[in-house]
Full PDB file with SEQRES, HELIX, SHEET, SSBOND, CRYST1, ORIGX, SCALE, CONECT and MASTER records, all heavy atoms in Angstrom:
SEQRES   1 A   38  PHE GLU ARG GLY GLN PHE VAL LEU TYR ARG ASP PRO GLU          
SEQRES   2 A   38  MET PHE TRP SER GLY GLN ALA SER HIS THR PHE VAL CYS          
SEQRES   3 A   38  ARG VAL GLN ARG ALA TRP LEU GLU GLY THR TYR ASP              
HELIX    1 AA1 PRO A   12  TRP A   16  1                                   5    
SHEET    1 AA1 2 PHE A   6  ARG A  10  0                                        
SHEET    2 AA1 2 THR A  23  ARG A  27 -1                                        
CRYST1    1.000    1.000    1.000  90.00  90.00  90.00 P 1           1          
ORIGX1      1.000000  0.000000  0.000000        0.00000                         
ORIGX2      0.000000  1.000000  0.000000        0.00000                         
ORIGX3      0.000000  0.000000  1.000000        0.00000                         
SCALE1      1.000000  0.000000  0.000000        0.00000                         
SCALE2      0.000000  1.000000  0.000000        0.00000                         
SCALE3      0.000000  0.000000  1.000000        0.00000                         
ATOM      1  N   PHE A   1      -5.544 -17.572  11.660  1.00  0.00           N  
ATOM      2  CA  PHE A   1      -5.692 -16.141  11.378  1.00  0.00           C  
ATOM      3  C   PHE A   1      -6.147 -15.919   9.946  1.00  0.00           C  
ATOM      4  O   PHE A   1      -5.863 -16.723   9.054  1.00  0.00           O  
ATOM      5  CB  PHE A   1      -4.331 -15.412  11.632  1.00  0.00           C  
ATOM      6  CG  PHE A   1      -3.829 -15.645  13.034  1.00  0.00           C  
ATOM      7  CD1 PHE A   1      -2.906 -16.589  13.301  1.00  0.00           C  
ATOM      8  CD2 PHE A   1      -4.279 -14.840  14.076  1.00  0.00           C  
ATOM      9  CE1 PHE A   1      -2.452 -16.788  14.624  1.00  0.00           C  
ATOM     10  CE2 PHE A   1      -3.860 -14.995  15.371  1.00  0.00           C  
ATOM     11  CZ  PHE A   1      -2.911 -15.948  15.645  1.00  0.00           C  
ATOM     12  N   GLU A   2      -6.790 -14.823   9.719  1.00  0.00           N  
ATOM     13  CA  GLU A   2      -7.340 -14.518   8.396  1.00  0.00           C  
ATOM     14  C   GLU A   2      -6.693 -13.252   7.847  1.00  0.00           C  
ATOM     15  O   GLU A   2      -6.291 -12.362   8.602  1.00  0.00           O  
ATOM     16  CB  GLU A   2      -8.846 -14.323   8.495  1.00  0.00           C  
ATOM     17  CG  GLU A   2      -9.608 -15.560   8.910  1.00  0.00           C  
ATOM     18  CD  GLU A   2     -11.086 -15.313   9.070  1.00  0.00           C  
ATOM     19  OE1 GLU A   2     -11.570 -14.263   8.617  1.00  0.00           O  
ATOM     20  OE2 GLU A   2     -11.749 -16.206   9.640  1.00  0.00           O  
ATOM     21  N   ARG A   3      -6.725 -13.147   6.545  1.00  0.00           N  
ATOM     22  CA  ARG A   3      -6.124 -11.971   5.889  1.00  0.00           C  
ATOM     23  C   ARG A   3      -6.829 -10.715   6.378  1.00  0.00           C  
ATOM     24  O   ARG A   3      -8.015 -10.655   6.533  1.00  0.00           O  
ATOM     25  CB  ARG A   3      -6.355 -12.091   4.384  1.00  0.00           C  
ATOM     26  CG  ARG A   3      -5.784 -10.933   3.626  1.00  0.00           C  
ATOM     27  CD  ARG A   3      -6.012 -11.031   2.175  1.00  0.00           C  
ATOM     28  NE  ARG A   3      -5.427  -9.816   1.600  1.00  0.00           N  
ATOM     29  CZ  ARG A   3      -5.110  -9.626   0.374  1.00  0.00           C  
ATOM     30  NH1 ARG A   3      -5.336 -10.588  -0.484  1.00  0.00           N  
ATOM     31  NH2 ARG A   3      -4.611  -8.507  -0.055  1.00  0.00           N  
ATOM     32  N   GLY A   4      -6.003  -9.688   6.694  1.00  0.00           N  
ATOM     33  CA  GLY A   4      -6.490  -8.420   7.102  1.00  0.00           C  
ATOM     34  C   GLY A   4      -6.566  -8.266   8.626  1.00  0.00           C  
ATOM     35  O   GLY A   4      -6.689  -7.123   9.110  1.00  0.00           O  
ATOM     36  N   GLN A   5      -6.440  -9.367   9.373  1.00  0.00           N  
ATOM     37  CA  GLN A   5      -6.458  -9.227  10.816  1.00  0.00           C  
ATOM     38  C   GLN A   5      -5.158  -8.641  11.353  1.00  0.00           C  
ATOM     39  O   GLN A   5      -4.092  -8.780  10.745  1.00  0.00           O  
ATOM     40  CB  GLN A   5      -6.691 -10.605  11.483  1.00  0.00           C  
ATOM     41  CG  GLN A   5      -8.063 -11.144  11.283  1.00  0.00           C  
ATOM     42  CD  GLN A   5      -8.206 -12.513  11.979  1.00  0.00           C  
ATOM     43  OE1 GLN A   5      -7.356 -13.338  11.951  1.00  0.00           O  
ATOM     44  NE2 GLN A   5      -9.372 -12.659  12.604  1.00  0.00           N  
ATOM     45  N   PHE A   6      -5.272  -7.902  12.440  1.00  0.00           N  
ATOM     46  CA  PHE A   6      -4.111  -7.355  13.103  1.00  0.00           C  
ATOM     47  C   PHE A   6      -3.632  -8.361  14.170  1.00  0.00           C  
ATOM     48  O   PHE A   6      -4.443  -8.892  14.904  1.00  0.00           O  
ATOM     49  CB  PHE A   6      -4.433  -6.023  13.766  1.00  0.00           C  
ATOM     50  CG  PHE A   6      -4.620  -4.924  12.781  1.00  0.00           C  
ATOM     51  CD1 PHE A   6      -5.916  -4.575  12.358  1.00  0.00           C  
ATOM     52  CD2 PHE A   6      -3.544  -4.226  12.243  1.00  0.00           C  
ATOM     53  CE1 PHE A   6      -6.091  -3.544  11.486  1.00  0.00           C  
ATOM     54  CE2 PHE A   6      -3.755  -3.223  11.295  1.00  0.00           C  
ATOM     55  CZ  PHE A   6      -5.020  -2.856  10.927  1.00  0.00           C  
ATOM     56  N   VAL A   7      -2.345  -8.569  14.174  1.00  0.00           N  
ATOM     57  CA  VAL A   7      -1.791  -9.523  15.155  1.00  0.00           C  
ATOM     58  C   VAL A   7      -0.523  -8.946  15.782  1.00  0.00           C  
ATOM     59  O   VAL A   7       0.090  -8.055  15.209  1.00  0.00           O  
ATOM     60  CB  VAL A   7      -1.395 -10.866  14.449  1.00  0.00           C  
ATOM     61  CG1 VAL A   7      -2.625 -11.616  13.962  1.00  0.00           C  
ATOM     62  CG2 VAL A   7      -0.367 -10.675  13.381  1.00  0.00           C  
ATOM     63  N   LEU A   8      -0.231  -9.453  16.964  1.00  0.00           N  
ATOM     64  CA  LEU A   8       1.097  -9.133  17.592  1.00  0.00           C  
ATOM     65  C   LEU A   8       1.998 -10.260  17.245  1.00  0.00           C  
ATOM     66  O   LEU A   8       1.681 -11.428  17.449  1.00  0.00           O  
ATOM     67  CB  LEU A   8       0.888  -8.984  19.102  1.00  0.00           C  
ATOM     68  CG  LEU A   8       2.061  -8.420  19.871  1.00  0.00           C  
ATOM     69  CD1 LEU A   8       2.306  -6.987  19.420  1.00  0.00           C  
ATOM     70  CD2 LEU A   8       1.791  -8.432  21.360  1.00  0.00           C  
ATOM     71  N   TYR A   9       3.099  -9.997  16.599  1.00  0.00           N  
ATOM     72  CA  TYR A   9       4.040 -10.999  16.174  1.00  0.00           C  
ATOM     73  C   TYR A   9       5.345 -10.862  16.939  1.00  0.00           C  
ATOM     74  O   TYR A   9       5.905  -9.762  17.083  1.00  0.00           O  
ATOM     75  CB  TYR A   9       4.316 -10.884  14.695  1.00  0.00           C  
ATOM     76  CG  TYR A   9       5.390 -11.813  14.187  1.00  0.00           C  
ATOM     77  CD1 TYR A   9       5.153 -13.222  14.186  1.00  0.00           C  
ATOM     78  CD2 TYR A   9       6.579 -11.379  13.752  1.00  0.00           C  
ATOM     79  CE1 TYR A   9       6.170 -14.100  13.717  1.00  0.00           C  
ATOM     80  CE2 TYR A   9       7.574 -12.236  13.310  1.00  0.00           C  
ATOM     81  CZ  TYR A   9       7.322 -13.589  13.304  1.00  0.00           C  
ATOM     82  OH  TYR A   9       8.337 -14.498  12.874  1.00  0.00           O  
ATOM     83  N   ARG A  10       5.880 -11.989  17.407  1.00  0.00           N  
ATOM     84  CA  ARG A  10       7.197 -11.980  18.055  1.00  0.00           C  
ATOM     85  C   ARG A  10       8.101 -12.787  17.187  1.00  0.00           C  
ATOM     86  O   ARG A  10       7.921 -14.007  16.975  1.00  0.00           O  
ATOM     87  CB  ARG A  10       7.079 -12.650  19.415  1.00  0.00           C  
ATOM     88  CG  ARG A  10       8.419 -12.787  20.121  1.00  0.00           C  
ATOM     89  CD  ARG A  10       8.287 -13.110  21.604  1.00  0.00           C  
ATOM     90  NE  ARG A  10       7.922 -11.831  22.244  1.00  0.00           N  
ATOM     91  CZ  ARG A  10       7.417 -11.809  23.469  1.00  0.00           C  
ATOM     92  NH1 ARG A  10       7.193 -12.883  24.149  1.00  0.00           N  
ATOM     93  NH2 ARG A  10       7.077 -10.618  24.011  1.00  0.00           N  
ATOM     94  N   ASP A  11       9.130 -12.120  16.640  1.00  0.00           N  
ATOM     95  CA  ASP A  11      10.127 -12.770  15.785  1.00  0.00           C  
ATOM     96  C   ASP A  11      10.946 -13.737  16.708  1.00  0.00           C  
ATOM     97  O   ASP A  11      11.704 -13.250  17.567  1.00  0.00           O  
ATOM     98  CB  ASP A  11      11.033 -11.761  15.148  1.00  0.00           C  
ATOM     99  CG  ASP A  11      11.979 -12.338  14.165  1.00  0.00           C  
ATOM    100  OD1 ASP A  11      12.693 -13.300  14.514  1.00  0.00           O  
ATOM    101  OD2 ASP A  11      12.077 -11.813  13.047  1.00  0.00           O  
ATOM    102  N   PRO A  12      10.802 -15.079  16.517  1.00  0.00           N  
ATOM    103  CA  PRO A  12      11.495 -15.955  17.456  1.00  0.00           C  
ATOM    104  C   PRO A  12      13.020 -15.874  17.427  1.00  0.00           C  
ATOM    105  O   PRO A  12      13.652 -15.985  18.456  1.00  0.00           O  
ATOM    106  CB  PRO A  12      11.013 -17.354  17.008  1.00  0.00           C  
ATOM    107  CG  PRO A  12      10.425 -17.147  15.659  1.00  0.00           C  
ATOM    108  CD  PRO A  12      10.025 -15.780  15.523  1.00  0.00           C  
ATOM    109  N   GLU A  13      13.584 -15.682  16.275  1.00  0.00           N  
ATOM    110  CA  GLU A  13      15.035 -15.585  16.201  1.00  0.00           C  
ATOM    111  C   GLU A  13      15.555 -14.360  16.917  1.00  0.00           C  
ATOM    112  O   GLU A  13      16.577 -14.422  17.617  1.00  0.00           O  
ATOM    113  CB  GLU A  13      15.531 -15.600  14.720  1.00  0.00           C  
ATOM    114  CG  GLU A  13      15.315 -16.941  14.069  1.00  0.00           C  
ATOM    115  CD  GLU A  13      15.825 -16.952  12.648  1.00  0.00           C  
ATOM    116  OE1 GLU A  13      16.730 -16.154  12.277  1.00  0.00           O  
ATOM    117  OE2 GLU A  13      15.329 -17.783  11.854  1.00  0.00           O  
ATOM    118  N   MET A  14      14.876 -13.217  16.734  1.00  0.00           N  
ATOM    119  CA  MET A  14      15.287 -12.023  17.381  1.00  0.00           C  
ATOM    120  C   MET A  14      15.081 -12.165  18.896  1.00  0.00           C  
ATOM    121  O   MET A  14      15.911 -11.736  19.691  1.00  0.00           O  
ATOM    122  CB  MET A  14      14.526 -10.820  16.836  1.00  0.00           C  
ATOM    123  CG  MET A  14      14.890 -10.451  15.409  1.00  0.00           C  
ATOM    124  SD  MET A  14      13.891  -9.085  14.738  1.00  0.00           S  
ATOM    125  CE  MET A  14      14.477  -7.707  15.713  1.00  0.00           C  
ATOM    126  N   PHE A  15      13.954 -12.743  19.311  1.00  0.00           N  
ATOM    127  CA  PHE A  15      13.630 -12.902  20.692  1.00  0.00           C  
ATOM    128  C   PHE A  15      14.648 -13.781  21.394  1.00  0.00           C  
ATOM    129  O   PHE A  15      15.196 -13.410  22.444  1.00  0.00           O  
ATOM    130  CB  PHE A  15      12.234 -13.486  20.897  1.00  0.00           C  
ATOM    131  CG  PHE A  15      11.858 -13.786  22.283  1.00  0.00           C  
ATOM    132  CD1 PHE A  15      11.512 -12.786  23.128  1.00  0.00           C  
ATOM    133  CD2 PHE A  15      11.912 -15.082  22.752  1.00  0.00           C  
ATOM    134  CE1 PHE A  15      11.160 -13.035  24.455  1.00  0.00           C  
ATOM    135  CE2 PHE A  15      11.563 -15.362  24.061  1.00  0.00           C  
ATOM    136  CZ  PHE A  15      11.184 -14.333  24.965  1.00  0.00           C  
ATOM    137  N   TRP A  16      14.935 -15.000  20.844  1.00  0.00           N  
ATOM    138  CA  TRP A  16      15.813 -15.948  21.509  1.00  0.00           C  
ATOM    139  C   TRP A  16      17.264 -15.505  21.466  1.00  0.00           C  
ATOM    140  O   TRP A  16      18.048 -15.933  22.262  1.00  0.00           O  
ATOM    141  CB  TRP A  16      15.638 -17.353  20.925  1.00  0.00           C  
ATOM    142  CG  TRP A  16      14.281 -17.918  21.302  1.00  0.00           C  
ATOM    143  CD1 TRP A  16      13.289 -18.229  20.430  1.00  0.00           C  
ATOM    144  CD2 TRP A  16      13.788 -18.178  22.631  1.00  0.00           C  
ATOM    145  NE1 TRP A  16      12.201 -18.676  21.154  1.00  0.00           N  
ATOM    146  CE2 TRP A  16      12.471 -18.677  22.488  1.00  0.00           C  
ATOM    147  CE3 TRP A  16      14.308 -18.051  23.896  1.00  0.00           C  
ATOM    148  CZ2 TRP A  16      11.660 -19.056  23.582  1.00  0.00           C  
ATOM    149  CZ3 TRP A  16      13.524 -18.446  24.992  1.00  0.00           C  
ATOM    150  CH2 TRP A  16      12.251 -18.938  24.805  1.00  0.00           C  
ATOM    151  N   SER A  17      17.579 -14.569  20.520  1.00  0.00           N  
ATOM    152  CA  SER A  17      18.979 -14.098  20.470  1.00  0.00           C  
ATOM    153  C   SER A  17      19.153 -12.835  21.304  1.00  0.00           C  
ATOM    154  O   SER A  17      20.230 -12.228  21.324  1.00  0.00           O  
ATOM    155  CB  SER A  17      19.438 -13.882  19.041  1.00  0.00           C  
ATOM    156  OG  SER A  17      18.652 -12.903  18.402  1.00  0.00           O  
ATOM    157  N   GLY A  18      18.059 -12.349  21.921  1.00  0.00           N  
ATOM    158  CA  GLY A  18      18.195 -11.191  22.834  1.00  0.00           C  
ATOM    159  C   GLY A  18      18.172  -9.840  22.126  1.00  0.00           C  
ATOM    160  O   GLY A  18      18.545  -8.837  22.685  1.00  0.00           O  
ATOM    161  N   GLN A  19      17.739  -9.833  20.843  1.00  0.00           N  
ATOM    162  CA  GLN A  19      17.716  -8.552  20.113  1.00  0.00           C  
ATOM    163  C   GLN A  19      16.510  -7.721  20.495  1.00  0.00           C  
ATOM    164  O   GLN A  19      15.441  -8.226  20.891  1.00  0.00           O  
ATOM    165  CB  GLN A  19      17.673  -8.833  18.634  1.00  0.00           C  
ATOM    166  CG  GLN A  19      18.929  -9.554  18.107  1.00  0.00           C  
ATOM    167  CD  GLN A  19      18.832  -9.825  16.635  1.00  0.00           C  
ATOM    168  OE1 GLN A  19      18.404  -8.985  15.882  1.00  0.00           O  
ATOM    169  NE2 GLN A  19      19.182 -11.061  16.207  1.00  0.00           N  
ATOM    170  N   ALA A  20      16.647  -6.419  20.412  1.00  0.00           N  
ATOM    171  CA  ALA A  20      15.573  -5.501  20.710  1.00  0.00           C  
ATOM    172  C   ALA A  20      14.577  -5.471  19.547  1.00  0.00           C  
ATOM    173  O   ALA A  20      14.841  -5.943  18.478  1.00  0.00           O  
ATOM    174  CB  ALA A  20      16.123  -4.086  20.900  1.00  0.00           C  
ATOM    175  N   SER A  21      13.398  -4.936  19.880  1.00  0.00           N  
ATOM    176  CA  SER A  21      12.311  -4.772  18.872  1.00  0.00           C  
ATOM    177  C   SER A  21      11.908  -6.083  18.219  1.00  0.00           C  
ATOM    178  O   SER A  21      11.572  -6.139  17.058  1.00  0.00           O  
ATOM    179  CB  SER A  21      12.764  -3.779  17.804  1.00  0.00           C  
ATOM    180  OG  SER A  21      13.109  -2.532  18.376  1.00  0.00           O  
ATOM    181  N   HIS A  22      11.833  -7.128  19.022  1.00  0.00           N  
ATOM    182  CA  HIS A  22      11.456  -8.456  18.496  1.00  0.00           C  
ATOM    183  C   HIS A  22       9.959  -8.680  18.430  1.00  0.00           C  
ATOM    184  O   HIS A  22       9.501  -9.613  17.760  1.00  0.00           O  
ATOM    185  CB  HIS A  22      12.091  -9.559  19.366  1.00  0.00           C  
ATOM    186  CG  HIS A  22      11.836  -9.405  20.820  1.00  0.00           C  
ATOM    187  ND1 HIS A  22      10.576  -9.541  21.415  1.00  0.00           N  
ATOM    188  CD2 HIS A  22      12.676  -9.087  21.833  1.00  0.00           C  
ATOM    189  CE1 HIS A  22      10.655  -9.340  22.672  1.00  0.00           C  
ATOM    190  NE2 HIS A  22      11.935  -9.060  22.983  1.00  0.00           N  
ATOM    191  N   THR A  23       9.181  -7.778  19.002  1.00  0.00           N  
ATOM    192  CA  THR A  23       7.704  -7.943  19.005  1.00  0.00           C  
ATOM    193  C   THR A  23       7.048  -6.702  18.438  1.00  0.00           C  
ATOM    194  O   THR A  23       7.358  -5.613  18.882  1.00  0.00           O  
ATOM    195  CB  THR A  23       7.180  -8.191  20.450  1.00  0.00           C  
ATOM    196  OG1 THR A  23       7.882  -9.354  20.974  1.00  0.00           O  
ATOM    197  CG2 THR A  23       5.688  -8.475  20.442  1.00  0.00           C  
ATOM    198  N   PHE A  24       6.157  -6.889  17.414  1.00  0.00           N  
ATOM    199  CA  PHE A  24       5.600  -5.763  16.782  1.00  0.00           C  
ATOM    200  C   PHE A  24       4.225  -6.101  16.168  1.00  0.00           C  
ATOM    201  O   PHE A  24       3.893  -7.311  16.006  1.00  0.00           O  
ATOM    202  CB  PHE A  24       6.539  -5.178  15.735  1.00  0.00           C  
ATOM    203  CG  PHE A  24       7.174  -6.226  14.855  1.00  0.00           C  
ATOM    204  CD1 PHE A  24       6.645  -6.585  13.630  1.00  0.00           C  
ATOM    205  CD2 PHE A  24       8.392  -6.815  15.273  1.00  0.00           C  
ATOM    206  CE1 PHE A  24       7.282  -7.537  12.842  1.00  0.00           C  
ATOM    207  CE2 PHE A  24       9.006  -7.733  14.472  1.00  0.00           C  
ATOM    208  CZ  PHE A  24       8.438  -8.112  13.258  1.00  0.00           C  
ATOM    209  N   VAL A  25       3.403  -5.100  15.913  1.00  0.00           N  
ATOM    210  CA  VAL A  25       2.064  -5.277  15.358  1.00  0.00           C  
ATOM    211  C   VAL A  25       2.164  -5.464  13.834  1.00  0.00           C  
ATOM    212  O   VAL A  25       2.877  -4.747  13.168  1.00  0.00           O  
ATOM    213  CB  VAL A  25       1.189  -4.088  15.691  1.00  0.00           C  
ATOM    214  CG1 VAL A  25      -0.174  -4.211  14.978  1.00  0.00           C  
ATOM    215  CG2 VAL A  25       1.045  -3.924  17.191  1.00  0.00           C  
ATOM    216  N   CYS A  26       1.452  -6.429  13.336  1.00  0.00           N  
ATOM    217  CA  CYS A  26       1.419  -6.762  11.934  1.00  0.00           C  
ATOM    218  C   CYS A  26      -0.013  -6.963  11.423  1.00  0.00           C  
ATOM    219  O   CYS A  26      -0.940  -7.153  12.249  1.00  0.00           O  
ATOM    220  CB  CYS A  26       2.153  -8.054  11.636  1.00  0.00           C  
ATOM    221  SG  CYS A  26       3.944  -7.996  11.903  1.00  0.00           S  
ATOM    222  N   ARG A  27      -0.146  -6.888  10.110  1.00  0.00           N  
ATOM    223  CA  ARG A  27      -1.410  -7.234   9.501  1.00  0.00           C  
ATOM    224  C   ARG A  27      -1.155  -8.491   8.664  1.00  0.00           C  
ATOM    225  O   ARG A  27      -0.156  -8.613   7.962  1.00  0.00           O  
ATOM    226  CB  ARG A  27      -1.888  -6.094   8.590  1.00  0.00           C  
ATOM    227  CG  ARG A  27      -3.237  -6.315   8.064  1.00  0.00           C  
ATOM    228  CD  ARG A  27      -3.740  -5.095   7.308  1.00  0.00           C  
ATOM    229  NE  ARG A  27      -5.172  -5.004   7.604  1.00  0.00           N  
ATOM    230  CZ  ARG A  27      -5.837  -3.898   7.609  1.00  0.00           C  
ATOM    231  NH1 ARG A  27      -5.231  -2.782   7.347  1.00  0.00           N  
ATOM    232  NH2 ARG A  27      -7.114  -3.894   7.899  1.00  0.00           N  
ATOM    233  N   VAL A  28      -2.096  -9.430   8.755  1.00  0.00           N  
ATOM    234  CA  VAL A  28      -1.964 -10.693   8.023  1.00  0.00           C  
ATOM    235  C   VAL A  28      -2.174 -10.404   6.543  1.00  0.00           C  
ATOM    236  O   VAL A  28      -3.240  -9.884   6.144  1.00  0.00           O  
ATOM    237  CB  VAL A  28      -2.977 -11.761   8.527  1.00  0.00           C  
ATOM    238  CG1 VAL A  28      -2.869 -13.037   7.705  1.00  0.00           C  
ATOM    239  CG2 VAL A  28      -2.749 -12.056  10.002  1.00  0.00           C  
ATOM    240  N   GLN A  29      -1.195 -10.757   5.738  1.00  0.00           N  
ATOM    241  CA  GLN A  29      -1.257 -10.519   4.285  1.00  0.00           C  
ATOM    242  C   GLN A  29      -1.769 -11.765   3.547  1.00  0.00           C  
ATOM    243  O   GLN A  29      -2.524 -11.683   2.619  1.00  0.00           O  
ATOM    244  CB  GLN A  29       0.133 -10.163   3.787  1.00  0.00           C  
ATOM    245  CG  GLN A  29       0.198  -9.741   2.313  1.00  0.00           C  
ATOM    246  CD  GLN A  29      -0.343  -8.334   2.147  1.00  0.00           C  
ATOM    247  OE1 GLN A  29      -0.417  -7.562   3.119  1.00  0.00           O  
ATOM    248  NE2 GLN A  29      -0.721  -8.020   0.952  1.00  0.00           N  
ATOM    249  N   ARG A  30      -1.290 -12.938   4.045  1.00  0.00           N  
ATOM    250  CA  ARG A  30      -1.646 -14.191   3.366  1.00  0.00           C  
ATOM    251  C   ARG A  30      -1.542 -15.327   4.356  1.00  0.00           C  
ATOM    252  O   ARG A  30      -0.651 -15.359   5.224  1.00  0.00           O  
ATOM    253  CB  ARG A  30      -0.688 -14.416   2.195  1.00  0.00           C  
ATOM    254  CG  ARG A  30      -0.974 -15.698   1.444  1.00  0.00           C  
ATOM    255  CD  ARG A  30       0.006 -15.830   0.238  1.00  0.00           C  
ATOM    256  NE  ARG A  30      -0.325 -14.769  -0.771  1.00  0.00           N  
ATOM    257  CZ  ARG A  30       0.560 -13.938  -1.276  1.00  0.00           C  
ATOM    258  NH1 ARG A  30       1.822 -14.021  -0.953  1.00  0.00           N  
ATOM    259  NH2 ARG A  30       0.195 -13.007  -2.137  1.00  0.00           N  
ATOM    260  N   ALA A  31      -2.459 -16.330   4.263  1.00  0.00           N  
ATOM    261  CA  ALA A  31      -2.415 -17.499   5.076  1.00  0.00           C  
ATOM    262  C   ALA A  31      -2.081 -18.687   4.199  1.00  0.00           C  
ATOM    263  O   ALA A  31      -2.712 -18.855   3.137  1.00  0.00           O  
ATOM    264  CB  ALA A  31      -3.771 -17.730   5.774  1.00  0.00           C  
ATOM    265  N   TRP A  32      -1.129 -19.501   4.588  1.00  0.00           N  
ATOM    266  CA  TRP A  32      -0.698 -20.632   3.769  1.00  0.00           C  
ATOM    267  C   TRP A  32      -1.359 -21.890   4.378  1.00  0.00           C  
ATOM    268  O   TRP A  32      -1.631 -21.978   5.543  1.00  0.00           O  
ATOM    269  CB  TRP A  32       0.807 -20.774   3.803  1.00  0.00           C  
ATOM    270  CG  TRP A  32       1.494 -19.628   3.134  1.00  0.00           C  
ATOM    271  CD1 TRP A  32       2.084 -18.553   3.726  1.00  0.00           C  
ATOM    272  CD2 TRP A  32       1.643 -19.378   1.701  1.00  0.00           C  
ATOM    273  NE1 TRP A  32       2.580 -17.693   2.802  1.00  0.00           N  
ATOM    274  CE2 TRP A  32       2.301 -18.182   1.563  1.00  0.00           C  
ATOM    275  CE3 TRP A  32       1.235 -20.094   0.584  1.00  0.00           C  
ATOM    276  CZ2 TRP A  32       2.628 -17.644   0.301  1.00  0.00           C  
ATOM    277  CZ3 TRP A  32       1.534 -19.601  -0.670  1.00  0.00           C  
ATOM    278  CH2 TRP A  32       2.236 -18.375  -0.786  1.00  0.00           C  
ATOM    279  N   LEU A  33      -1.550 -22.927   3.541  1.00  0.00           N  
ATOM    280  CA  LEU A  33      -2.225 -24.140   3.926  1.00  0.00           C  
ATOM    281  C   LEU A  33      -1.479 -24.829   5.077  1.00  0.00           C  
ATOM    282  O   LEU A  33      -2.130 -25.530   5.904  1.00  0.00           O  
ATOM    283  CB  LEU A  33      -2.354 -25.113   2.748  1.00  0.00           C  
ATOM    284  CG  LEU A  33      -3.332 -24.656   1.682  1.00  0.00           C  
ATOM    285  CD1 LEU A  33      -3.335 -25.617   0.494  1.00  0.00           C  
ATOM    286  CD2 LEU A  33      -4.733 -24.530   2.224  1.00  0.00           C  
ATOM    287  N   GLU A  34      -0.181 -24.778   5.117  1.00  0.00           N  
ATOM    288  CA  GLU A  34       0.559 -25.502   6.155  1.00  0.00           C  
ATOM    289  C   GLU A  34       0.526 -24.787   7.502  1.00  0.00           C  
ATOM    290  O   GLU A  34       1.155 -25.175   8.448  1.00  0.00           O  
ATOM    291  CB  GLU A  34       2.023 -25.740   5.710  1.00  0.00           C  
ATOM    292  CG  GLU A  34       2.872 -24.507   5.544  1.00  0.00           C  
ATOM    293  CD  GLU A  34       2.806 -23.889   4.163  1.00  0.00           C  
ATOM    294  OE1 GLU A  34       2.004 -24.336   3.314  1.00  0.00           O  
ATOM    295  OE2 GLU A  34       3.543 -22.938   3.911  1.00  0.00           O  
ATOM    296  N   GLY A  35      -0.226 -23.664   7.567  1.00  0.00           N  
ATOM    297  CA  GLY A  35      -0.432 -23.022   8.850  1.00  0.00           C  
ATOM    298  C   GLY A  35       0.541 -21.853   9.125  1.00  0.00           C  
ATOM    299  O   GLY A  35       0.695 -21.426  10.288  1.00  0.00           O  
ATOM    300  N   THR A  36       1.246 -21.405   8.116  1.00  0.00           N  
ATOM    301  CA  THR A  36       2.134 -20.285   8.283  1.00  0.00           C  
ATOM    302  C   THR A  36       1.504 -19.027   7.601  1.00  0.00           C  
ATOM    303  O   THR A  36       0.510 -19.160   6.890  1.00  0.00           O  
ATOM    304  CB  THR A  36       3.549 -20.519   7.711  1.00  0.00           C  
ATOM    305  OG1 THR A  36       3.441 -20.783   6.316  1.00  0.00           O  
ATOM    306  CG2 THR A  36       4.213 -21.676   8.464  1.00  0.00           C  
ATOM    307  N   TYR A  37       2.043 -17.885   7.840  1.00  0.00           N  
ATOM    308  CA  TYR A  37       1.461 -16.651   7.388  1.00  0.00           C  
ATOM    309  C   TYR A  37       2.482 -15.674   6.866  1.00  0.00           C  
ATOM    310  O   TYR A  37       3.634 -15.676   7.294  1.00  0.00           O  
ATOM    311  CB  TYR A  37       0.726 -15.968   8.553  1.00  0.00           C  
ATOM    312  CG  TYR A  37      -0.317 -16.832   9.140  1.00  0.00           C  
ATOM    313  CD1 TYR A  37      -0.002 -17.751  10.194  1.00  0.00           C  
ATOM    314  CD2 TYR A  37      -1.632 -16.827   8.675  1.00  0.00           C  
ATOM    315  CE1 TYR A  37      -0.997 -18.559  10.736  1.00  0.00           C  
ATOM    316  CE2 TYR A  37      -2.599 -17.620   9.225  1.00  0.00           C  
ATOM    317  CZ  TYR A  37      -2.269 -18.509  10.239  1.00  0.00           C  
ATOM    318  OH  TYR A  37      -3.226 -19.350  10.760  1.00  0.00           O  
ATOM    319  N   ASP A  38       2.123 -14.846   5.919  1.00  0.00           N  
ATOM    320  CA  ASP A  38       2.885 -13.718   5.450  1.00  0.00           C  
ATOM    321  C   ASP A  38       2.290 -12.502   6.159  1.00  0.00           C  
ATOM    322  O   ASP A  38       1.069 -12.310   6.126  1.00  0.00           O  
ATOM    323  CB  ASP A  38       2.825 -13.542   3.931  1.00  0.00           C  
ATOM    324  CG  ASP A  38       3.621 -14.610   3.216  1.00  0.00           C  
ATOM    325  OD1 ASP A  38       4.431 -15.322   3.818  1.00  0.00           O  
ATOM    326  OD2 ASP A  38       3.458 -14.708   1.978  1.00  0.00           O  
TER     327      ASP A  38                                                      
MASTER        0    0    0    1    2    0    0    6  326    1    0    3          
END                                                                             
């Protein structure tokens, strides 16, 4: 993913613990070399 792109993000901890509102639309702020994103 690149900075500025819109993505659908699913928070894995919230999802696997059964919490509501675990999936939401985000904008990519920063891409890290190890393959993670802010």
